[in-house]
N, C-alpha and C. Protein backbone atom coordinates (compact mmCIF):
# COMPACT_ATOMS: atom_id res chain seq x y z
N MET A 1 58.76 98.57 79.86
CA MET A 1 59.44 99.48 79.79
C MET A 1 60.74 99.36 80.35
N LYS A 2 61.80 99.91 79.53
CA LYS A 2 63.17 99.82 80.12
C LYS A 2 63.52 100.56 81.50
N LEU A 3 64.45 99.63 82.12
CA LEU A 3 64.94 100.39 83.54
C LEU A 3 65.63 101.52 83.21
N ILE A 4 65.98 101.99 82.46
CA ILE A 4 66.55 103.41 82.28
C ILE A 4 65.41 104.74 81.93
N GLU A 5 64.21 104.13 81.91
CA GLU A 5 62.79 104.94 82.07
C GLU A 5 62.14 104.89 83.11
N ARG A 6 62.49 103.97 83.81
CA ARG A 6 61.04 103.57 85.14
C ARG A 6 62.51 104.47 86.03
N LYS A 7 63.87 104.71 86.19
CA LYS A 7 64.40 104.99 87.11
C LYS A 7 65.04 106.76 86.83
N LYS A 8 64.62 107.27 88.07
CA LYS A 8 64.93 109.00 87.79
C LYS A 8 66.19 108.96 89.12
N TYR A 9 65.98 108.48 89.65
CA TYR A 9 66.92 108.63 90.62
C TYR A 9 68.37 107.38 91.20
N TRP A 10 69.54 108.02 90.11
CA TRP A 10 70.20 106.94 90.53
C TRP A 10 71.58 107.03 91.31
N ILE A 11 71.63 106.04 92.13
CA ILE A 11 72.87 106.18 93.56
C ILE A 11 74.09 105.21 93.09
N PHE A 12 75.25 105.48 92.76
CA PHE A 12 76.19 104.82 92.66
C PHE A 12 77.23 104.52 93.41
N ASP A 13 77.77 103.76 94.19
CA ASP A 13 78.97 103.07 94.59
C ASP A 13 79.85 103.94 94.15
N MET A 14 81.24 104.16 94.30
CA MET A 14 82.14 104.75 93.49
C MET A 14 83.53 103.81 92.90
N ASP A 15 84.46 103.29 94.25
CA ASP A 15 85.20 102.33 93.68
C ASP A 15 84.87 101.13 93.37
N GLY A 16 85.38 100.67 92.22
CA GLY A 16 84.89 99.68 91.60
C GLY A 16 83.72 99.43 90.67
N THR A 17 83.08 100.53 90.95
CA THR A 17 81.84 100.86 89.90
C THR A 17 81.91 101.86 88.85
N LEU A 18 81.81 102.90 89.48
CA LEU A 18 82.32 104.06 88.92
C LEU A 18 83.78 104.06 88.21
N THR A 19 84.90 104.06 88.77
CA THR A 19 86.12 103.84 88.67
C THR A 19 86.73 102.01 88.69
N ILE A 20 87.83 101.75 88.19
CA ILE A 20 88.40 100.60 87.83
C ILE A 20 88.47 100.01 89.77
N ALA A 21 88.41 99.43 89.96
CA ALA A 21 89.14 98.92 91.32
C ALA A 21 90.45 98.92 91.40
N GLN A 22 90.98 99.33 92.55
CA GLN A 22 92.23 99.95 92.33
C GLN A 22 92.01 99.34 94.43
N HIS A 23 91.68 98.92 94.86
CA HIS A 23 92.37 99.14 96.61
C HIS A 23 92.20 97.22 96.85
N ASP A 24 93.35 97.19 97.45
CA ASP A 24 93.97 96.17 97.83
C ASP A 24 93.56 96.08 99.38
N PHE A 25 92.22 95.62 99.67
CA PHE A 25 91.68 95.74 101.06
C PHE A 25 92.80 94.78 102.04
N LEU A 26 93.08 93.81 101.97
CA LEU A 26 94.03 93.06 102.69
C LEU A 26 95.18 93.74 103.09
N ALA A 27 95.94 94.80 101.89
CA ALA A 27 97.25 94.96 101.99
C ALA A 27 96.79 95.91 103.37
N ILE A 28 95.54 96.61 102.78
CA ILE A 28 95.22 98.14 103.67
C ILE A 28 95.33 97.77 104.87
N LYS A 29 95.12 96.70 105.12
CA LYS A 29 94.74 96.37 107.20
C LYS A 29 95.50 95.87 107.11
N GLN A 30 96.82 95.28 106.73
CA GLN A 30 98.25 94.90 107.12
C GLN A 30 99.34 96.26 107.47
N GLU A 31 98.92 97.35 106.74
CA GLU A 31 99.65 98.05 106.68
C GLU A 31 99.09 99.58 107.94
N LEU A 32 97.86 98.76 108.09
CA LEU A 32 97.23 100.03 109.05
C LEU A 32 96.78 99.05 110.44
N GLY A 33 97.37 97.19 110.99
CA GLY A 33 97.92 97.16 111.38
C GLY A 33 96.26 96.23 112.22
N ILE A 34 95.59 95.84 111.48
CA ILE A 34 94.03 95.88 111.82
C ILE A 34 94.21 94.58 111.27
N PRO A 35 92.71 93.60 111.97
CA PRO A 35 92.75 92.52 111.59
C PRO A 35 91.80 92.26 110.19
N SER A 36 92.59 90.83 109.53
CA SER A 36 91.94 90.87 108.05
C SER A 36 90.63 90.03 108.25
N ASN A 37 90.29 89.77 109.17
CA ASN A 37 88.60 89.15 109.45
C ASN A 37 87.80 89.96 109.35
N ILE A 38 87.96 91.05 109.59
CA ILE A 38 86.41 92.97 109.91
C ILE A 38 87.22 93.27 108.88
N ASP A 39 86.00 94.31 108.48
CA ASP A 39 86.04 95.04 107.25
C ASP A 39 86.92 96.13 108.02
N ILE A 40 87.39 97.45 107.17
CA ILE A 40 88.21 98.56 107.81
C ILE A 40 87.45 99.62 108.50
N LEU A 41 86.59 99.33 108.34
CA LEU A 41 85.20 101.04 109.04
C LEU A 41 85.10 100.11 110.22
N THR A 42 84.36 98.90 110.35
CA THR A 42 84.15 98.58 111.35
C THR A 42 85.44 98.41 112.57
N SER A 43 86.43 97.71 112.16
CA SER A 43 87.55 97.40 112.85
C SER A 43 88.25 98.67 113.68
N LEU A 44 88.30 99.92 112.67
CA LEU A 44 88.69 101.40 113.01
C LEU A 44 87.62 102.19 114.06
N SER A 45 86.05 101.51 113.80
CA SER A 45 85.31 102.27 115.05
C SER A 45 85.36 101.58 116.63
N SER A 46 86.09 100.60 116.49
CA SER A 46 85.88 99.69 118.10
C SER A 46 87.33 100.42 118.52
N LEU A 47 88.19 101.04 117.87
CA LEU A 47 89.61 101.49 118.59
C LEU A 47 89.21 102.92 119.49
N PRO A 48 89.72 102.62 120.95
CA PRO A 48 89.60 104.16 120.91
C PRO A 48 90.35 105.14 121.17
N ASP A 49 89.61 106.96 120.98
CA ASP A 49 89.11 107.71 120.24
C ASP A 49 90.92 108.03 119.31
N HIS A 50 91.95 108.32 120.36
CA HIS A 50 93.42 108.40 119.99
C HIS A 50 93.86 107.59 118.96
N GLU A 51 93.45 106.44 118.80
CA GLU A 51 94.00 105.47 118.01
C GLU A 51 93.38 104.99 116.74
N LYS A 52 91.76 106.00 117.09
CA LYS A 52 91.02 106.18 116.04
C LYS A 52 91.52 106.78 115.13
N ASN A 53 91.65 108.26 115.46
CA ASN A 53 91.84 109.15 114.24
C ASN A 53 93.40 108.96 113.69
N GLN A 54 94.37 108.58 114.80
CA GLN A 54 95.67 108.07 114.16
C GLN A 54 94.88 107.24 113.12
N LYS A 55 94.56 106.00 113.35
CA LYS A 55 94.13 105.05 112.31
C LYS A 55 93.84 105.61 110.71
N HIS A 56 92.68 106.38 111.25
CA HIS A 56 91.52 107.34 109.96
C HIS A 56 92.64 108.25 109.03
N TRP A 57 93.67 109.13 109.70
CA TRP A 57 94.50 109.69 109.41
C TRP A 57 95.58 108.83 108.34
N GLU A 58 95.71 107.64 108.79
CA GLU A 58 97.01 106.89 107.95
C GLU A 58 95.84 106.42 107.06
N LEU A 59 94.52 106.14 106.99
CA LEU A 59 93.63 105.44 105.80
C LEU A 59 93.64 106.73 105.01
N ASN A 60 93.14 107.88 104.96
CA ASN A 60 93.10 108.78 104.36
C ASN A 60 94.53 108.68 103.33
N GLN A 61 95.36 108.68 103.91
CA GLN A 61 96.25 108.77 102.76
C GLN A 61 96.63 107.60 102.34
N ILE A 62 96.47 106.87 102.66
CA ILE A 62 96.30 106.01 101.92
C ILE A 62 95.57 105.33 100.61
N GLU A 63 94.21 106.03 100.86
CA GLU A 63 93.26 106.31 99.71
C GLU A 63 93.38 107.00 98.94
N LEU A 64 94.06 108.39 99.28
CA LEU A 64 94.64 109.42 98.17
C LEU A 64 95.89 109.16 97.60
N LYS A 65 96.54 108.23 97.61
CA LYS A 65 96.99 107.84 96.92
C LYS A 65 96.32 107.17 95.70
N ILE A 66 95.61 106.29 96.07
CA ILE A 66 95.16 105.39 95.70
C ILE A 66 94.19 106.79 94.73
N ALA A 67 93.48 107.35 94.95
CA ALA A 67 92.77 108.32 94.61
C ALA A 67 93.07 109.48 93.68
N LYS A 68 94.31 109.67 93.39
CA LYS A 68 94.83 109.92 92.57
C LYS A 68 94.90 109.02 91.03
N ASN A 69 95.13 108.29 91.11
CA ASN A 69 95.22 107.47 90.19
C ASN A 69 94.36 106.51 89.31
N ALA A 70 93.41 107.43 89.98
CA ALA A 70 91.41 106.69 89.48
C ALA A 70 91.71 106.67 88.20
N ASN A 71 91.05 105.64 87.80
CA ASN A 71 90.86 105.60 86.43
C ASN A 71 89.35 105.27 85.89
N ALA A 72 88.36 105.90 85.39
CA ALA A 72 87.09 105.45 84.69
C ALA A 72 86.57 104.20 84.73
N SER A 73 85.40 103.63 84.98
CA SER A 73 85.27 102.05 84.16
C SER A 73 85.16 102.19 83.30
N ILE A 74 84.68 101.13 82.06
CA ILE A 74 85.06 101.31 81.11
C ILE A 74 83.01 101.27 81.07
N GLY A 75 83.22 102.26 79.89
CA GLY A 75 82.03 102.65 79.03
C GLY A 75 81.16 103.99 80.42
N CYS A 76 81.69 104.21 81.27
CA CYS A 76 81.19 104.65 82.67
C CYS A 76 80.55 106.43 81.82
N PHE A 77 81.99 106.76 81.06
CA PHE A 77 81.43 108.36 80.66
C PHE A 77 80.37 108.47 80.14
N ASN A 78 80.06 107.65 78.73
CA ASN A 78 79.52 107.67 77.99
C ASN A 78 77.90 107.61 78.83
N PHE A 79 77.87 106.43 79.44
CA PHE A 79 76.83 106.05 80.28
C PHE A 79 76.28 107.06 80.98
N LEU A 80 77.37 107.70 81.70
CA LEU A 80 76.87 109.33 83.15
C LEU A 80 76.07 109.98 81.71
N GLN A 81 76.92 110.23 80.51
CA GLN A 81 76.68 110.99 79.90
C GLN A 81 75.21 110.93 79.40
N LYS A 82 75.00 109.42 79.31
CA LYS A 82 73.09 109.03 78.43
C LYS A 82 72.40 110.07 80.00
N LEU A 83 72.66 109.39 81.11
CA LEU A 83 72.11 109.92 82.15
C LEU A 83 71.33 111.04 82.08
N SER A 84 72.70 111.86 82.60
CA SER A 84 72.49 113.11 82.35
C SER A 84 71.67 113.94 81.33
N SER A 85 71.80 113.61 79.93
CA SER A 85 71.12 114.01 78.89
C SER A 85 69.40 113.86 79.36
N ASP A 86 69.41 112.49 79.80
CA ASP A 86 67.80 111.89 80.02
C ASP A 86 67.24 112.92 81.19
N GLU A 87 67.61 113.81 82.15
CA GLU A 87 67.78 114.20 83.28
C GLU A 87 67.49 113.62 84.74
N LYS A 88 68.28 112.63 84.62
CA LYS A 88 68.33 111.90 85.80
C LYS A 88 69.01 112.76 86.63
N THR A 89 68.76 112.18 88.10
CA THR A 89 69.88 113.06 89.19
C THR A 89 70.45 112.13 89.93
N LEU A 90 71.69 112.46 89.83
CA LEU A 90 72.83 111.12 89.96
C LEU A 90 73.37 111.63 91.42
N GLY A 91 73.30 110.39 92.18
CA GLY A 91 74.74 110.52 93.74
C GLY A 91 75.33 109.44 93.76
N ILE A 92 76.54 109.87 94.94
CA ILE A 92 77.60 108.43 95.16
C ILE A 92 76.77 108.10 96.70
N LEU A 93 76.94 107.06 97.19
CA LEU A 93 76.85 106.55 98.05
C LEU A 93 78.40 105.61 98.49
N THR A 94 79.64 105.90 99.43
CA THR A 94 81.17 105.50 99.40
C THR A 94 81.32 105.79 100.75
N ARG A 95 81.98 104.41 100.97
CA ARG A 95 82.71 104.20 102.32
C ARG A 95 83.89 105.18 102.17
N ASN A 96 84.31 105.70 101.45
CA ASN A 96 85.57 106.70 101.31
C ASN A 96 85.27 107.72 101.86
N SER A 97 86.06 108.75 102.07
CA SER A 97 85.83 110.06 102.62
C SER A 97 85.53 110.86 101.62
N PHE A 98 85.42 112.27 101.66
CA PHE A 98 84.68 112.72 101.01
C PHE A 98 86.06 113.16 100.21
N SER A 99 86.79 114.05 100.59
CA SER A 99 88.27 114.90 100.12
C SER A 99 88.59 113.49 99.07
N ASN A 100 88.43 111.95 99.88
CA ASN A 100 89.72 111.28 98.32
C ASN A 100 88.09 111.22 97.40
N SER A 101 87.18 111.15 97.91
CA SER A 101 86.10 110.72 96.34
C SER A 101 86.26 112.00 95.72
N ILE A 102 86.28 113.30 96.21
CA ILE A 102 86.38 114.33 94.96
C ILE A 102 87.78 114.25 94.44
N GLU A 103 88.74 113.82 95.08
CA GLU A 103 89.58 113.46 94.03
C GLU A 103 89.74 112.24 93.05
N THR A 104 89.03 111.60 93.37
CA THR A 104 89.23 110.70 92.94
C THR A 104 88.42 110.42 91.33
N LEU A 105 87.22 111.05 91.42
CA LEU A 105 85.96 111.69 90.37
C LEU A 105 86.92 112.76 89.64
N LYS A 106 88.02 113.62 90.39
CA LYS A 106 88.54 114.69 89.40
C LYS A 106 89.59 113.74 88.56
N ALA A 107 90.35 112.40 89.47
CA ALA A 107 90.98 111.63 88.55
C ALA A 107 90.63 111.03 87.65
N ALA A 108 89.27 110.50 87.51
CA ALA A 108 88.93 109.43 86.47
C ALA A 108 88.11 110.40 85.67
N GLY A 109 87.99 111.84 85.40
CA GLY A 109 87.51 112.64 84.87
C GLY A 109 85.92 112.62 84.29
N ILE A 110 85.29 112.56 86.05
CA ILE A 110 83.69 112.08 85.26
C ILE A 110 83.22 113.19 87.07
N SER A 111 84.00 113.81 87.64
CA SER A 111 83.48 114.53 88.32
C SER A 111 81.95 115.94 88.08
N ASP A 112 82.20 116.63 86.97
CA ASP A 112 81.10 116.98 86.48
C ASP A 112 79.72 116.63 86.80
N PHE A 113 79.51 115.22 86.91
CA PHE A 113 78.51 114.73 86.47
C PHE A 113 77.71 114.67 88.09
N PHE A 114 78.67 114.86 89.40
CA PHE A 114 77.90 114.71 90.07
C PHE A 114 78.18 116.33 91.57
N SER A 115 76.94 116.49 91.94
CA SER A 115 77.32 117.49 92.92
C SER A 115 77.59 117.23 93.93
N ASP A 116 78.08 118.43 94.61
CA ASP A 116 79.36 117.99 96.30
C ASP A 116 78.07 117.44 97.48
N GLN A 117 76.87 118.18 96.89
CA GLN A 117 75.59 117.60 97.60
C GLN A 117 75.56 116.35 97.66
N ASN A 118 75.57 115.51 96.59
CA ASN A 118 74.85 114.22 96.61
C ASN A 118 75.71 112.98 96.59
N ILE A 119 77.37 113.49 97.04
CA ILE A 119 78.03 112.54 97.63
C ILE A 119 78.34 112.47 98.83
N ILE A 120 77.81 111.77 99.18
CA ILE A 120 77.51 111.15 100.68
C ILE A 120 78.64 110.13 100.88
N CYS A 121 79.67 110.13 101.97
CA CYS A 121 80.43 109.80 102.19
C CYS A 121 80.74 109.09 103.31
N ARG A 122 81.74 108.36 104.46
CA ARG A 122 81.78 108.03 105.62
C ARG A 122 81.20 109.07 106.52
N GLU A 123 81.84 110.20 106.53
CA GLU A 123 81.29 111.48 107.24
C GLU A 123 79.94 111.42 107.53
N LYS A 124 79.15 111.04 106.40
CA LYS A 124 77.65 112.34 106.15
C LYS A 124 77.01 110.76 106.72
N ALA A 125 76.90 109.70 106.92
CA ALA A 125 76.24 108.85 106.74
C ALA A 125 76.90 107.45 107.60
N ILE A 126 75.93 106.53 107.89
CA ILE A 126 76.47 105.84 108.86
C ILE A 126 77.03 104.55 106.95
N PRO A 127 78.38 104.12 107.39
CA PRO A 127 78.62 103.34 106.22
C PRO A 127 77.31 101.93 106.16
N LYS A 128 77.35 101.70 104.59
CA LYS A 128 76.71 101.51 104.00
C LYS A 128 77.49 99.60 104.62
N PRO A 129 76.86 98.38 105.21
CA PRO A 129 75.49 97.97 104.44
C PRO A 129 74.62 99.09 104.84
N HIS A 130 74.65 99.58 106.01
CA HIS A 130 73.53 100.43 106.21
C HIS A 130 72.95 101.30 105.37
N PRO A 131 71.73 101.45 105.63
CA PRO A 131 71.08 102.46 104.53
C PRO A 131 70.71 103.55 104.32
N GLU A 132 71.31 103.96 105.62
CA GLU A 132 70.96 105.75 105.93
C GLU A 132 71.49 106.17 104.78
N GLY A 133 72.86 106.55 104.05
CA GLY A 133 73.14 107.07 102.68
C GLY A 133 72.07 107.58 101.62
N ILE A 134 71.62 106.17 101.01
CA ILE A 134 70.21 106.16 100.17
C ILE A 134 69.39 107.02 100.69
N LEU A 135 68.39 106.47 102.17
CA LEU A 135 67.74 107.27 102.38
C LEU A 135 67.81 108.13 102.73
N TYR A 136 68.93 109.08 103.01
CA TYR A 136 69.37 110.63 103.03
C TYR A 136 69.12 110.91 101.88
N LEU A 137 69.43 110.62 100.69
CA LEU A 137 69.51 111.31 99.59
C LEU A 137 67.91 111.27 98.79
N MET A 138 67.44 109.87 99.06
CA MET A 138 65.84 109.92 98.87
C MET A 138 64.62 111.08 99.35
N GLU A 139 65.35 111.40 100.51
CA GLU A 139 64.42 112.25 101.20
C GLU A 139 64.52 113.65 100.43
N LYS A 140 65.96 113.50 100.64
CA LYS A 140 66.53 115.21 100.07
C LYS A 140 65.74 115.41 98.14
N TRP A 141 65.94 114.31 97.71
CA TRP A 141 65.20 114.25 96.23
C TRP A 141 64.42 114.30 96.20
N ASN A 142 63.13 113.90 97.50
CA ASN A 142 61.92 113.74 97.51
C ASN A 142 61.49 112.46 96.45
N ALA A 143 62.23 111.25 96.60
CA ALA A 143 62.48 110.35 95.78
C ALA A 143 61.80 109.07 96.43
N SER A 144 60.73 108.20 95.28
CA SER A 144 60.17 107.16 95.80
C SER A 144 61.25 105.74 95.76
N PRO A 145 61.07 104.61 96.06
CA PRO A 145 61.90 103.52 96.17
C PRO A 145 62.07 103.12 94.79
N GLU A 146 60.39 103.25 94.07
CA GLU A 146 60.21 102.82 92.85
C GLU A 146 61.23 103.39 92.05
N GLU A 147 61.17 104.64 91.92
CA GLU A 147 62.18 105.59 91.02
C GLU A 147 63.34 105.63 91.90
N THR A 148 64.10 105.22 92.17
CA THR A 148 65.61 104.71 92.79
C THR A 148 66.43 103.73 92.63
N ILE A 149 67.45 103.51 92.42
CA ILE A 149 67.95 102.25 91.98
C ILE A 149 69.19 102.82 92.67
N MET A 150 69.96 101.33 93.11
CA MET A 150 71.42 101.60 93.61
C MET A 150 72.18 100.28 92.69
N ILE A 151 73.23 101.39 92.12
CA ILE A 151 73.88 100.71 91.64
C ILE A 151 75.86 99.79 92.27
N GLY A 152 76.21 98.66 92.46
CA GLY A 152 77.56 98.44 93.08
C GLY A 152 77.98 97.45 92.77
N ASP A 153 79.05 96.85 93.50
CA ASP A 153 80.17 96.08 93.15
C ASP A 153 80.71 94.88 93.89
N TYR A 154 79.51 94.91 95.09
CA TYR A 154 79.82 94.20 96.35
C TYR A 154 78.72 94.20 97.33
N ILE A 155 78.51 93.16 98.21
CA ILE A 155 77.74 93.07 98.51
C ILE A 155 77.08 93.86 99.50
N PHE A 156 77.75 94.85 99.97
CA PHE A 156 77.73 96.19 101.43
C PHE A 156 76.69 97.01 100.23
N ASP A 157 76.71 97.08 99.11
CA ASP A 157 75.74 97.93 98.27
C ASP A 157 74.97 97.25 98.10
N LEU A 158 74.40 96.08 97.79
CA LEU A 158 73.66 95.29 97.65
C LEU A 158 72.68 95.29 98.58
N GLU A 159 73.03 95.07 99.53
CA GLU A 159 72.23 94.76 101.37
C GLU A 159 72.16 96.08 101.68
N ALA A 160 72.44 97.13 101.36
CA ALA A 160 72.17 98.56 101.32
C ALA A 160 70.60 99.30 100.89
N GLY A 161 71.13 98.67 99.42
CA GLY A 161 69.85 98.64 98.28
C GLY A 161 68.48 98.21 99.10
N LYS A 162 69.26 96.89 99.18
CA LYS A 162 67.95 96.05 99.90
C LYS A 162 67.52 96.35 101.30
N SER A 163 68.06 97.08 102.24
CA SER A 163 67.72 97.49 103.26
C SER A 163 66.71 98.89 103.18
N ALA A 164 67.09 99.35 102.17
CA ALA A 164 66.55 100.99 101.49
C ALA A 164 65.18 100.69 100.99
N ASN A 165 65.05 99.52 100.53
CA ASN A 165 63.54 98.75 99.42
C ASN A 165 63.99 99.46 98.32
N VAL A 166 65.14 99.35 97.43
CA VAL A 166 64.92 100.08 96.38
C VAL A 166 65.97 98.86 95.37
N GLU A 167 65.91 99.03 94.07
CA GLU A 167 66.24 97.82 93.78
C GLU A 167 67.60 97.79 93.17
N THR A 168 68.26 96.89 92.75
CA THR A 168 70.03 97.03 92.93
C THR A 168 70.48 96.44 91.85
N ILE A 169 71.41 96.66 91.21
CA ILE A 169 72.22 96.26 89.84
C ILE A 169 73.54 95.94 90.29
N TYR A 170 73.90 94.83 90.60
CA TYR A 170 75.94 94.54 90.66
C TYR A 170 76.33 94.65 89.43
N ILE A 171 77.14 95.32 89.43
CA ILE A 171 77.86 95.22 88.55
C ILE A 171 79.68 94.61 88.66
N ASP A 172 79.29 93.15 88.08
CA ASP A 172 80.52 92.43 88.17
C ASP A 172 81.87 92.45 86.82
N PRO A 173 82.96 93.03 86.81
CA PRO A 173 83.42 92.53 84.94
C PRO A 173 84.22 91.42 84.67
N THR A 174 84.60 90.77 86.08
CA THR A 174 84.52 89.26 85.89
C THR A 174 83.27 88.47 85.49
N GLY A 175 82.27 88.81 85.72
CA GLY A 175 80.65 87.87 85.33
C GLY A 175 80.64 86.70 86.04
N ALA A 176 81.93 86.78 87.06
CA ALA A 176 81.95 85.84 88.21
C ALA A 176 79.71 86.19 89.20
N PHE A 177 79.87 87.48 89.70
CA PHE A 177 78.47 87.00 90.70
C PHE A 177 78.59 86.43 91.93
N PRO A 178 79.14 86.90 92.73
CA PRO A 178 79.61 85.84 94.12
C PRO A 178 78.25 86.69 94.89
N PHE A 179 77.32 87.21 94.80
CA PHE A 179 76.58 88.32 95.36
C PHE A 179 75.58 88.00 94.84
N ILE A 180 75.30 87.32 93.94
CA ILE A 180 74.38 87.29 92.68
C ILE A 180 72.24 87.60 93.40
N HIS A 181 72.73 86.79 94.41
CA HIS A 181 71.10 86.40 95.47
C HIS A 181 70.97 88.03 95.75
N GLN A 182 71.34 89.10 96.13
CA GLN A 182 71.45 90.20 97.10
C GLN A 182 70.77 91.16 95.83
N ALA A 183 71.01 90.83 94.48
CA ALA A 183 70.98 91.22 93.68
C ALA A 183 69.41 91.79 92.62
N THR A 184 68.79 92.56 92.31
CA THR A 184 67.68 92.27 91.78
C THR A 184 68.25 92.19 89.54
N TYR A 185 69.42 92.71 89.70
CA TYR A 185 69.99 92.68 88.20
C TYR A 185 71.64 93.28 88.47
N ALA A 186 71.93 92.10 87.04
CA ALA A 186 73.54 91.85 87.47
C ALA A 186 74.16 92.11 85.88
N VAL A 187 75.45 93.23 85.77
CA VAL A 187 75.67 93.26 84.36
C VAL A 187 77.27 93.19 84.77
N THR A 188 78.35 93.39 83.24
CA THR A 188 79.45 93.19 83.51
C THR A 188 80.13 94.52 83.11
N LYS A 189 78.96 95.40 82.71
CA LYS A 189 79.99 97.15 82.98
C LYS A 189 79.11 97.39 83.00
N LEU A 190 78.74 98.74 83.13
CA LEU A 190 77.32 99.99 83.23
C LEU A 190 77.24 100.11 82.13
N GLU A 191 77.54 99.79 80.72
CA GLU A 191 76.64 100.23 79.31
C GLU A 191 75.32 99.31 78.77
N GLU A 192 75.37 97.97 79.81
CA GLU A 192 75.20 96.88 79.69
C GLU A 192 73.23 97.20 80.37
N ILE A 193 73.27 98.23 81.06
CA ILE A 193 72.23 98.59 82.06
C ILE A 193 71.39 99.48 80.51
N LEU A 194 71.52 99.67 80.12
CA LEU A 194 71.05 100.69 78.71
C LEU A 194 70.08 99.43 78.32
N SER A 195 70.12 98.41 79.10
CA SER A 195 69.15 97.26 77.79
C SER A 195 68.06 96.85 78.68
N LEU A 196 68.66 97.43 80.11
CA LEU A 196 67.62 96.45 81.22
C LEU A 196 66.35 96.68 81.21
């Protein structure tokens, strides 16, 4: 049986998965004045409150500029249309903010596929690689791990899926797949999932 028939609940990372990757994380860290060897949200979480709030505001402004220029990844619209026509339940788990996620989805022309309640951002759950966002959606949907799948382009997406005991799809347009050991499946574009 094909994967698309087996899975009813589909959780997507957003940036670099549903959209073409644009974030230059090293440049963002430099702009925020934070260490290059620690991920951004972890680094910000260790700051004193007044500084943390200021840096989060700055990060939101940087990400908003990126969001407004978002483009859907190749075949993304057709793939989401196929899932929707098959009455699958779709969600997003992103380390981005909620307001910038909405901007990203609008700019990419795919906002109609996702209800606001199913977009889980850094304000609503402990950021990936923690599985809280996936577990939250599964509880909300009354979904079993066997019916659920997590799709993403980075190791945090795959680790979150693994910790939530769900299968994962690793998308890497380059075909290099450096984190393949953490993934159940690997594809270079979303439409390849249809043949899994």
